[in-house]
N, C-alpha and C. Protein backbone atom coordinates (compact mmCIF):
# COMPACT_ATOMS: atom_id res chain seq x y z
N MET A 1 3.50 17.79 18.13
CA MET A 1 3.91 16.73 16.86
C MET A 1 5.33 15.94 17.08
N SER A 2 4.96 14.88 16.96
CA SER A 2 5.64 13.66 17.10
C SER A 2 6.71 13.44 15.76
N VAL A 3 8.14 13.16 16.09
CA VAL A 3 8.66 12.94 15.20
C VAL A 3 8.86 11.16 14.95
N ASP A 4 8.92 10.63 13.65
CA ASP A 4 8.98 9.58 14.18
C ASP A 4 10.31 8.49 14.67
N GLU A 5 10.25 7.90 15.59
CA GLU A 5 11.77 7.67 15.94
C GLU A 5 12.20 6.69 15.23
N SER A 6 11.50 6.00 14.28
CA SER A 6 12.52 5.47 13.47
C SER A 6 13.30 6.17 12.58
N CYS A 7 12.85 7.47 12.23
CA CYS A 7 13.93 8.15 10.95
C CYS A 7 14.99 9.08 12.10
N ARG A 8 16.16 9.09 11.69
CA ARG A 8 16.91 9.94 12.49
C ARG A 8 17.07 11.32 11.98
N GLU A 9 16.52 12.52 12.49
CA GLU A 9 16.96 13.64 12.16
C GLU A 9 18.01 14.22 12.85
N PRO A 10 18.70 15.25 11.71
CA PRO A 10 19.90 15.73 12.17
C PRO A 10 20.22 16.24 13.51
N SER A 11 18.97 17.27 13.88
CA SER A 11 18.90 17.43 15.03
C SER A 11 17.54 17.94 15.68
N PHE A 12 17.25 17.90 16.91
CA PHE A 12 16.13 18.90 17.08
C PHE A 12 16.52 19.65 18.27
N ASP A 13 15.47 20.91 17.80
CA ASP A 13 15.37 22.23 18.29
C ASP A 13 14.07 22.58 19.33
N ILE A 14 14.57 23.03 20.38
CA ILE A 14 13.13 23.68 21.30
C ILE A 14 13.52 25.52 21.48
N HIS A 15 12.61 26.18 21.09
CA HIS A 15 12.92 27.38 21.41
C HIS A 15 12.17 28.04 22.38
N HIS A 16 12.67 29.30 23.09
CA HIS A 16 11.91 30.00 23.85
C HIS A 16 12.59 31.55 23.53
N GLN A 17 12.00 32.62 23.09
CA GLN A 17 12.41 33.70 22.89
C GLN A 17 13.34 33.63 21.86
N LEU A 18 14.74 34.23 22.66
CA LEU A 18 16.02 34.25 21.61
C LEU A 18 16.53 33.04 21.79
N TRP A 19 16.29 31.93 22.63
CA TRP A 19 17.09 30.92 23.18
C TRP A 19 16.42 29.84 22.17
N THR A 20 17.53 28.76 21.72
CA THR A 20 17.51 27.74 21.32
C THR A 20 18.07 26.62 21.84
N LEU A 21 17.75 25.49 22.22
CA LEU A 21 18.22 24.33 22.74
C LEU A 21 18.14 23.15 21.74
N ARG A 22 19.32 22.85 21.47
CA ARG A 22 19.79 21.74 20.45
C ARG A 22 20.40 20.56 20.73
N VAL A 23 19.46 19.38 20.36
CA VAL A 23 20.30 17.96 20.67
C VAL A 23 20.35 17.22 19.38
N SER A 24 21.67 17.03 19.06
CA SER A 24 22.04 16.31 17.71
C SER A 24 22.34 14.92 17.78
N THR A 25 21.33 14.30 16.77
CA THR A 25 21.43 12.76 16.62
C THR A 25 23.32 12.44 16.46
N ALA A 26 23.77 12.73 15.93
CA ALA A 26 25.12 12.41 15.68
C ALA A 26 25.79 12.65 17.16
N ARG A 27 25.41 13.49 17.88
CA ARG A 27 26.57 13.60 19.35
C ARG A 27 25.37 13.87 20.38
N PRO A 28 24.80 12.26 20.82
CA PRO A 28 23.60 12.23 21.29
C PRO A 28 23.58 12.64 22.86
N THR A 29 25.13 12.93 23.16
CA THR A 29 25.16 12.86 24.88
C THR A 29 25.45 14.43 24.91
N GLU A 30 25.50 15.30 24.25
CA GLU A 30 25.97 16.61 24.26
C GLU A 30 24.51 17.60 23.89
N PHE A 31 24.25 18.73 24.30
CA PHE A 31 23.73 19.63 23.78
C PHE A 31 24.16 21.21 24.04
N GLN A 32 23.77 22.03 22.90
CA GLN A 32 24.01 23.22 22.53
C GLN A 32 23.28 24.24 22.81
N LEU A 33 23.32 25.29 23.40
CA LEU A 33 22.18 26.36 24.00
C LEU A 33 23.10 27.52 23.43
N TYR A 34 22.03 27.65 22.09
CA TYR A 34 22.18 29.20 21.71
C TYR A 34 21.39 30.43 22.23
N HIS A 35 21.65 31.57 22.18
CA HIS A 35 20.80 32.83 22.34
C HIS A 35 21.12 33.82 21.32
N ALA A 36 20.35 34.11 20.34
CA ALA A 36 20.23 34.79 19.26
C ALA A 36 21.18 34.30 17.99
N GLY A 37 20.96 32.84 17.83
CA GLY A 37 21.69 32.36 16.71
C GLY A 37 23.43 31.91 17.39
N GLN A 38 23.54 32.34 18.19
CA GLN A 38 25.30 31.98 18.64
C GLN A 38 25.23 31.28 19.91
N MET A 39 25.95 30.31 19.61
CA MET A 39 26.23 28.93 20.89
C MET A 39 27.14 29.52 22.02
N LEU A 40 26.02 29.85 22.96
CA LEU A 40 27.04 30.26 24.27
C LEU A 40 27.64 28.74 25.28
N TYR A 41 26.64 28.00 25.37
CA TYR A 41 26.94 26.76 26.18
C TYR A 41 26.79 25.47 25.82
N GLN A 42 27.70 25.02 25.87
CA GLN A 42 27.52 22.73 25.77
C GLN A 42 27.66 22.12 26.64
N GLY A 43 26.43 21.76 26.85
CA GLY A 43 26.67 20.32 27.75
C GLY A 43 26.79 19.05 27.63
N ARG A 44 27.83 18.54 28.30
CA ARG A 44 28.12 16.71 28.04
C ARG A 44 27.52 16.13 29.25
N LEU A 45 26.86 15.24 28.59
CA LEU A 45 26.10 14.19 29.53
C LEU A 45 27.37 13.28 30.38
N GLU A 46 26.95 13.03 31.95
CA GLU A 46 27.94 12.74 32.45
C GLU A 46 27.09 11.51 33.41
N LEU A 47 27.60 9.95 33.22
CA LEU A 47 26.99 8.71 34.01
C LEU A 47 27.53 8.20 34.56
N THR A 48 27.31 7.84 35.99
CA THR A 48 28.55 7.45 36.66
C THR A 48 27.82 6.49 37.31
N ASN A 49 28.60 5.40 37.89
CA ASN A 49 28.17 4.60 38.31
C ASN A 49 29.06 3.56 39.61
N ASN A 50 28.63 3.91 41.11
CA ASN A 50 29.16 3.56 41.73
C ASN A 50 30.59 4.03 41.58
N GLY A 51 30.46 5.96 41.42
CA GLY A 51 31.52 6.29 41.47
C GLY A 51 32.22 6.59 40.19
N GLU A 52 31.98 5.31 38.79
CA GLU A 52 32.95 5.09 37.74
C GLU A 52 32.28 5.91 37.00
N GLN A 53 32.84 6.44 35.80
CA GLN A 53 31.88 7.34 35.06
C GLN A 53 32.10 6.18 33.87
N LEU A 54 30.81 5.75 33.32
CA LEU A 54 30.40 5.03 32.10
C LEU A 54 30.67 5.73 31.15
N ASP A 55 31.03 4.73 29.95
CA ASP A 55 31.52 5.60 28.30
C ASP A 55 29.83 5.06 27.75
N LEU A 56 29.20 5.97 27.29
CA LEU A 56 28.20 6.19 26.43
C LEU A 56 27.87 5.92 25.02
N SER A 57 29.17 5.88 24.62
CA SER A 57 29.52 6.04 23.38
C SER A 57 28.79 5.08 22.26
N ALA A 58 28.60 4.17 22.86
CA ALA A 58 27.40 2.79 21.97
C ALA A 58 26.69 2.78 22.51
N ALA A 59 25.74 3.52 22.89
CA ALA A 59 24.02 3.24 23.30
C ALA A 59 23.64 3.74 22.09
N GLU A 60 22.39 3.08 21.77
CA GLU A 60 21.51 3.62 20.63
C GLU A 60 20.43 4.26 21.18
N TRP A 61 20.51 5.56 20.76
CA TRP A 61 19.51 6.71 21.61
C TRP A 61 18.58 6.54 20.39
N LYS A 62 17.08 7.08 21.27
CA LYS A 62 15.97 7.15 20.32
C LYS A 62 15.58 8.38 20.61
N PHE A 63 14.86 9.10 20.09
CA PHE A 63 14.33 10.72 20.19
C PHE A 63 12.83 10.60 19.82
N ARG A 64 12.17 11.69 21.00
CA ARG A 64 10.66 12.21 20.30
C ARG A 64 11.23 13.54 20.40
N HIS A 65 10.33 14.42 19.47
CA HIS A 65 10.23 15.84 19.46
C HIS A 65 9.13 16.26 19.34
N ARG A 66 8.50 17.11 20.54
CA ARG A 66 7.38 17.89 20.25
C ARG A 66 7.55 19.31 19.93
N ALA A 67 6.54 20.05 19.82
CA ALA A 67 6.95 21.67 20.04
C ALA A 67 7.81 22.19 21.10
N GLU A 68 7.48 21.67 22.00
CA GLU A 68 8.37 22.36 23.48
C GLU A 68 9.07 21.78 24.35
N ARG A 69 9.65 20.45 23.69
CA ARG A 69 10.19 19.14 24.63
C ARG A 69 10.68 18.35 23.61
N ILE A 70 11.91 17.94 23.90
CA ILE A 70 12.96 17.20 23.71
C ILE A 70 12.89 15.76 24.12
N GLU A 71 12.84 14.46 23.97
CA GLU A 71 12.73 13.43 24.88
C GLU A 71 13.96 12.35 24.20
N GLN A 72 14.63 11.99 24.88
CA GLN A 72 15.89 10.79 24.05
C GLN A 72 15.86 9.89 25.17
N TRP A 73 16.09 8.35 25.05
CA TRP A 73 15.98 7.56 26.01
C TRP A 73 17.05 6.36 25.05
N CYS A 74 17.45 5.54 25.99
CA CYS A 74 18.27 4.49 25.35
C CYS A 74 18.19 3.35 26.17
N GLN A 75 18.77 1.87 26.22
CA GLN A 75 18.51 0.80 26.89
C GLN A 75 20.18 0.38 26.66
N TRP A 76 20.54 0.35 27.89
CA TRP A 76 22.63 0.46 27.76
C TRP A 76 22.50 -0.82 28.33
N HIS A 77 23.58 -0.93 27.81
CA HIS A 77 24.22 -2.58 29.04
C HIS A 77 25.78 -2.23 29.35
N HIS A 78 25.65 -2.32 30.83
CA HIS A 78 27.20 -3.02 31.39
C HIS A 78 27.00 -4.10 32.22
N SER A 79 27.16 -3.77 33.41
CA SER A 79 27.17 -5.02 34.56
C SER A 79 25.79 -5.99 33.56
N ASP A 80 24.31 -4.83 33.59
CA ASP A 80 23.32 -5.50 33.38
C ASP A 80 22.59 -4.20 32.42
N ARG A 81 21.16 -4.51 32.27
CA ARG A 81 20.59 -3.31 31.25
C ARG A 81 20.18 -2.10 32.23
N LEU A 82 20.32 -1.10 31.31
CA LEU A 82 20.36 0.13 32.33
C LEU A 82 19.21 1.25 31.39
N SER A 83 18.21 1.41 31.70
CA SER A 83 17.42 2.19 30.88
C SER A 83 17.43 3.84 31.60
N LEU A 84 17.75 4.82 30.60
CA LEU A 84 17.74 5.99 30.77
C LEU A 84 16.80 6.64 29.34
N ASN A 85 16.05 7.68 30.60
CA ASN A 85 15.70 8.75 29.90
C ASN A 85 16.11 10.11 30.39
N MET A 86 15.60 11.16 29.24
CA MET A 86 16.00 12.28 29.49
C MET A 86 14.94 13.20 28.80
N ASN A 87 14.62 14.16 29.28
CA ASN A 87 13.33 15.49 28.96
C ASN A 87 14.02 16.76 28.95
N TYR A 88 13.92 17.40 27.86
CA TYR A 88 14.74 18.69 27.87
C TYR A 88 13.40 20.05 27.36
N PHE A 89 13.35 20.59 28.17
CA PHE A 89 12.03 21.62 27.68
C PHE A 89 12.63 23.25 28.50
N PHE A 90 11.96 24.07 28.14
CA PHE A 90 12.10 25.48 28.77
C PHE A 90 10.79 25.77 29.92
N HIS A 91 11.39 26.21 31.12
CA HIS A 91 10.25 26.36 32.24
C HIS A 91 10.02 27.96 31.63
N GLN A 92 8.80 28.04 31.51
CA GLN A 92 8.13 29.54 31.29
C GLN A 92 7.52 29.96 32.54
N GLN A 93 7.06 29.39 33.81
CA GLN A 93 6.05 29.62 34.18
C GLN A 93 6.76 30.93 35.54
N SER A 94 7.89 31.22 35.56
CA SER A 94 8.35 31.74 36.17
C SER A 94 8.95 33.34 35.80
N GLU A 95 9.31 34.10 36.56
CA GLU A 95 9.82 35.39 36.06
C GLU A 95 11.33 35.62 35.58
N GLN A 96 12.14 34.13 35.70
CA GLN A 96 13.31 34.05 35.23
C GLN A 96 13.57 32.22 34.46
N PRO A 97 12.89 32.31 33.04
CA PRO A 97 12.65 31.25 32.45
C PRO A 97 14.11 30.65 32.71
N ALA A 98 13.86 29.11 32.61
CA ALA A 98 15.17 28.15 32.08
C ALA A 98 15.09 27.09 31.96
N VAL A 99 16.08 26.63 31.02
CA VAL A 99 16.25 25.53 29.97
C VAL A 99 15.82 24.43 31.58
N VAL A 100 15.36 23.18 31.33
CA VAL A 100 14.82 22.11 32.39
C VAL A 100 15.53 20.69 31.84
N ILE A 101 16.44 19.92 32.45
CA ILE A 101 16.93 18.23 32.28
C ILE A 101 16.22 17.82 33.35
N GLU A 102 15.26 16.74 32.76
CA GLU A 102 14.81 15.66 33.58
C GLU A 102 15.49 14.55 33.30
N TYR A 103 16.14 13.65 33.96
CA TYR A 103 16.62 12.33 34.09
C TYR A 103 15.76 11.47 34.77
N LEU A 104 15.65 10.46 34.45
CA LEU A 104 15.51 9.18 34.75
C LEU A 104 16.11 7.78 34.65
N ALA A 105 16.57 6.90 35.56
CA ALA A 105 16.94 5.80 35.19
C ALA A 105 16.67 4.82 35.54
N ARG A 106 16.57 3.36 35.31
CA ARG A 106 16.33 2.41 36.28
C ARG A 106 17.67 1.15 35.55
N ASN A 107 17.58 0.28 36.49
CA ASN A 107 18.67 -0.65 36.53
C ASN A 107 18.17 -1.68 37.64
N SER A 108 18.24 -2.86 37.02
CA SER A 108 17.88 -3.95 37.62
C SER A 108 18.77 -4.40 38.95
N ILE A 109 19.65 -3.94 38.76
CA ILE A 109 20.35 -4.26 40.25
C ILE A 109 20.72 -2.87 40.78
N PRO A 110 20.93 -3.11 42.16
CA PRO A 110 21.60 -2.20 43.18
C PRO A 110 22.64 -1.51 42.73
N THR A 111 22.63 0.02 42.66
CA THR A 111 24.06 0.50 42.05
C THR A 111 23.98 1.92 42.52
N ARG A 112 24.91 2.81 42.61
CA ARG A 112 24.79 4.27 42.85
C ARG A 112 24.92 4.94 41.60
N LEU A 113 23.83 5.33 41.28
CA LEU A 113 23.84 6.29 39.94
C LEU A 113 23.82 7.49 40.29
N ASP A 114 24.26 8.41 38.92
CA ASP A 114 24.50 9.72 39.43
C ASP A 114 24.55 10.01 37.59
N ILE A 115 23.55 10.88 37.47
CA ILE A 115 23.83 11.46 35.87
C ILE A 115 23.46 12.86 35.98
N ARG A 116 24.31 13.82 34.86
CA ARG A 116 24.31 15.47 34.96
C ARG A 116 24.62 15.43 33.26
N HIS A 117 24.58 17.04 33.11
CA HIS A 117 25.26 17.48 32.41
C HIS A 117 26.34 18.46 32.78
N VAL A 118 27.34 18.24 32.06
CA VAL A 118 28.57 18.96 32.66
C VAL A 118 28.57 19.87 31.42
N ILE A 119 28.27 21.35 32.16
CA ILE A 119 27.84 22.51 31.12
C ILE A 119 29.24 23.53 31.11
N GLN A 120 29.68 23.95 30.03
CA GLN A 120 30.73 24.59 29.60
C GLN A 120 30.50 25.90 28.91
N PRO A 121 30.82 26.63 28.81
CA PRO A 121 30.60 28.07 28.06
C PRO A 121 31.57 27.96 27.04
N VAL A 122 30.98 28.18 25.54
CA VAL A 122 31.93 28.40 24.37
C VAL A 122 32.29 29.55 24.49
N THR A 123 34.00 29.30 24.14
CA THR A 123 34.73 30.56 24.24
C THR A 123 34.82 31.31 22.41
N ALA A 124 33.63 31.59 22.31
CA ALA A 124 33.68 32.55 20.61
C ALA A 124 33.65 33.72 20.69
N GLN A 125 34.59 34.52 19.24
CA GLN A 125 34.25 35.96 19.34
C GLN A 125 32.83 36.33 18.88
N PRO A 126 32.21 37.07 19.73
CA PRO A 126 30.81 37.31 19.47
C PRO A 126 30.76 38.58 18.37
N SER A 127 30.12 38.52 17.29
CA SER A 127 29.82 39.32 16.02
C SER A 127 29.35 40.79 16.59
N PRO A 128 30.19 41.88 15.76
CA PRO A 128 29.91 43.23 16.64
C PRO A 128 28.21 43.53 16.61
N ILE A 129 27.68 42.90 15.40
CA ILE A 129 26.06 43.06 15.60
C ILE A 129 25.46 42.01 16.79
N ALA A 130 25.87 41.41 17.18
CA ALA A 130 25.35 40.41 18.00
C ALA A 130 25.74 41.17 19.35
N ALA A 131 27.05 41.51 19.29
CA ALA A 131 27.36 42.14 20.82
C ALA A 131 26.78 43.69 21.21
N ALA A 132 26.21 44.19 20.01
CA ALA A 132 25.65 45.51 19.60
C ALA A 132 24.01 45.38 20.29
N SER A 133 23.38 44.27 20.04
CA SER A 133 22.16 44.09 20.07
C SER A 133 21.37 43.21 21.25
N ARG A 134 22.38 43.11 22.29
CA ARG A 134 21.94 42.25 23.35
C ARG A 134 23.39 42.33 24.14
N GLU A 135 23.01 42.68 25.45
CA GLU A 135 23.67 42.64 26.58
C GLU A 135 23.39 41.35 27.56
N LEU A 136 24.46 40.63 27.89
CA LEU A 136 24.40 39.40 28.34
C LEU A 136 25.25 39.59 29.75
N PRO A 137 24.45 39.13 30.81
CA PRO A 137 25.72 39.00 31.90
C PRO A 137 26.76 38.16 31.84
N ALA A 138 28.01 38.22 32.24
CA ALA A 138 28.95 37.19 32.13
C ALA A 138 28.34 35.55 32.89
N PRO A 139 29.03 34.73 32.07
CA PRO A 139 28.24 33.36 32.77
C PRO A 139 28.92 32.98 34.11
N SER A 140 28.31 32.57 34.77
CA SER A 140 28.57 32.28 36.05
C SER A 140 27.68 30.66 36.34
N SER A 141 28.55 29.69 36.62
CA SER A 141 28.24 28.36 36.98
C SER A 141 27.14 28.59 38.13
N GLN A 142 27.30 29.31 39.31
CA GLN A 142 26.64 29.49 40.16
C GLN A 142 24.78 29.28 40.02
N HIS A 143 24.68 29.75 38.68
CA HIS A 143 23.11 29.48 38.19
C HIS A 143 22.56 28.30 37.31
N TRP A 144 23.83 27.57 37.60
CA TRP A 144 23.33 26.16 36.94
C TRP A 144 22.85 25.33 38.17
N GLN A 145 21.58 25.14 38.44
CA GLN A 145 21.26 24.39 39.73
C GLN A 145 20.91 22.78 39.16
N ARG A 146 20.73 21.78 40.45
CA ARG A 146 20.73 20.29 39.89
C ARG A 146 20.27 19.71 41.21
N ALA A 147 18.77 19.33 41.13
CA ALA A 147 18.15 18.48 42.36
C ALA A 147 18.36 16.87 42.29
N ARG A 148 19.02 16.54 43.03
CA ARG A 148 18.95 15.02 43.05
C ARG A 148 17.31 14.53 43.97
N HIS A 149 16.47 13.49 43.15
CA HIS A 149 15.86 13.44 44.16
C HIS A 149 15.56 11.87 44.89
N GLY A 150 16.31 12.11 46.03
CA GLY A 150 16.39 11.02 46.87
C GLY A 150 17.67 9.98 46.31
N LEU A 151 18.03 8.73 46.88
CA LEU A 151 18.62 7.92 46.55
C LEU A 151 18.05 6.61 46.84
N PRO A 152 17.03 5.91 45.91
CA PRO A 152 16.43 4.94 46.41
C PRO A 152 17.49 3.54 46.75
N SER A 153 18.15 3.38 46.34
CA SER A 153 19.53 2.45 46.90
C SER A 153 19.38 2.64 48.55
N ASP A 154 19.06 3.82 49.00
CA ASP A 154 19.52 3.97 50.50
C ASP A 154 18.66 2.72 51.45
N PHE A 155 17.52 2.38 50.88
CA PHE A 155 16.85 1.43 51.39
C PHE A 155 17.25 -0.06 51.70
N ILE A 156 18.61 0.02 50.88
CA ILE A 156 18.66 -1.46 51.20
C ILE A 156 19.52 -2.16 52.47
N ARG A 157 19.95 -0.80 53.37
CA ARG A 157 20.72 -1.02 54.51
C ARG A 157 19.59 -1.60 55.80
N GLN A 158 18.44 -1.21 55.18
CA GLN A 158 17.31 -1.33 56.15
C GLN A 158 16.42 -2.62 55.82
N ALA A 159 16.82 -3.40 54.34
CA ALA A 159 15.61 -4.05 53.97
C ALA A 159 16.51 -5.51 54.05
N ALA A 160 15.68 -6.38 54.34
CA ALA A 160 15.92 -7.81 54.67
C ALA A 160 16.34 -8.55 53.61
N LYS A 161 15.34 -8.23 52.38
CA LYS A 161 15.17 -8.85 51.13
C LYS A 161 15.37 -7.84 50.20
N THR A 162 16.26 -7.85 49.20
CA THR A 162 16.15 -7.19 48.17
C THR A 162 16.28 -7.88 46.74
N ASP A 163 15.80 -9.02 46.86
CA ASP A 163 16.16 -9.89 45.35
C ASP A 163 14.98 -9.21 44.27
N LEU A 164 14.22 -8.56 45.26
CA LEU A 164 13.11 -7.65 44.07
C LEU A 164 13.05 -6.48 43.84
N PHE A 165 14.44 -5.71 44.18
CA PHE A 165 15.08 -4.49 43.93
C PHE A 165 15.25 -3.98 42.63
N ARG A 166 14.71 -2.82 42.58
CA ARG A 166 14.90 -1.87 41.29
C ARG A 166 14.78 -1.06 41.16
N GLU A 167 16.62 -0.57 41.22
CA GLU A 167 17.10 1.07 41.21
C GLU A 167 16.35 1.60 40.36
N ALA A 168 16.13 2.79 40.70
CA ALA A 168 15.27 4.04 40.31
C ALA A 168 16.32 5.44 40.58
N PHE A 169 16.27 5.84 39.75
CA PHE A 169 17.14 7.13 39.86
C PHE A 169 16.64 8.62 39.03
N SER A 170 16.41 9.73 39.61
CA SER A 170 15.78 10.80 39.35
C SER A 170 16.31 12.32 39.60
N ALA A 171 16.60 13.23 38.69
CA ALA A 171 17.20 14.44 39.35
C ALA A 171 16.62 15.14 38.45
N THR A 172 16.47 16.70 38.36
CA THR A 172 16.61 17.74 37.36
C THR A 172 17.31 18.57 37.32
N GLN A 173 18.13 19.03 36.41
CA GLN A 173 18.93 20.13 36.38
C GLN A 173 18.39 21.28 35.77
N TRP A 174 18.68 22.75 35.64
CA TRP A 174 18.07 23.66 34.93
C TRP A 174 19.22 24.60 35.00
N ILE A 175 19.39 25.92 33.94
CA ILE A 175 20.31 26.37 33.47
C ILE A 175 19.06 28.00 33.69
N VAL A 176 19.24 28.49 34.62
CA VAL A 176 18.58 30.23 34.57
C VAL A 176 19.30 31.08 33.57
N LEU A 177 17.98 31.22 32.70
CA LEU A 177 18.47 32.11 31.37
C LEU A 177 18.58 33.57 31.42
N GLU A 178 17.97 33.85 32.50
CA GLU A 178 18.18 35.58 32.53
C GLU A 178 19.45 35.92 33.34
N LYS A 179 20.10 35.00 33.95
CA LYS A 179 21.58 35.10 34.35
C LYS A 179 22.39 34.48 33.92
N VAL A 180 22.53 33.75 32.98
CA VAL A 180 23.58 33.24 31.86
C VAL A 180 23.97 34.56 31.35
């Protein structure tokens, strides 16, 4: 089921068991991860270009929502146009389900892009009902995984002609839910 991208929903949710991942259109560079209705973690998008952090506050994000996936993308201008796409979904094929975020960026000039969400635990007082009904292990950032899928601009050192070069960045980040 797709949502019309011209319509701005307040937020998009995907679910797995008692877990909910929410992306808000009001704060599109952030996501929230809930367990049994209580927010446990918040992720904030971080984009760096050649080691410099970029401000994405002026980007116009678009969204597509399906039952098991949230996709968001934008065309953003810094020194040149940057196309940025992110997909959020729950990986359910293993013994330990995880939230997966896939990143894809394209830039028409050679740069060193890096994209990730900085994930922070939310310190909130759990309600006695919620605390009694579940036992979650203590949060540990060692279970937040990230894989960068190569660095396409590495070939510039060997290439004699780069006028047709187009940077492409791809990475995957995931949070193992059973260990959160």
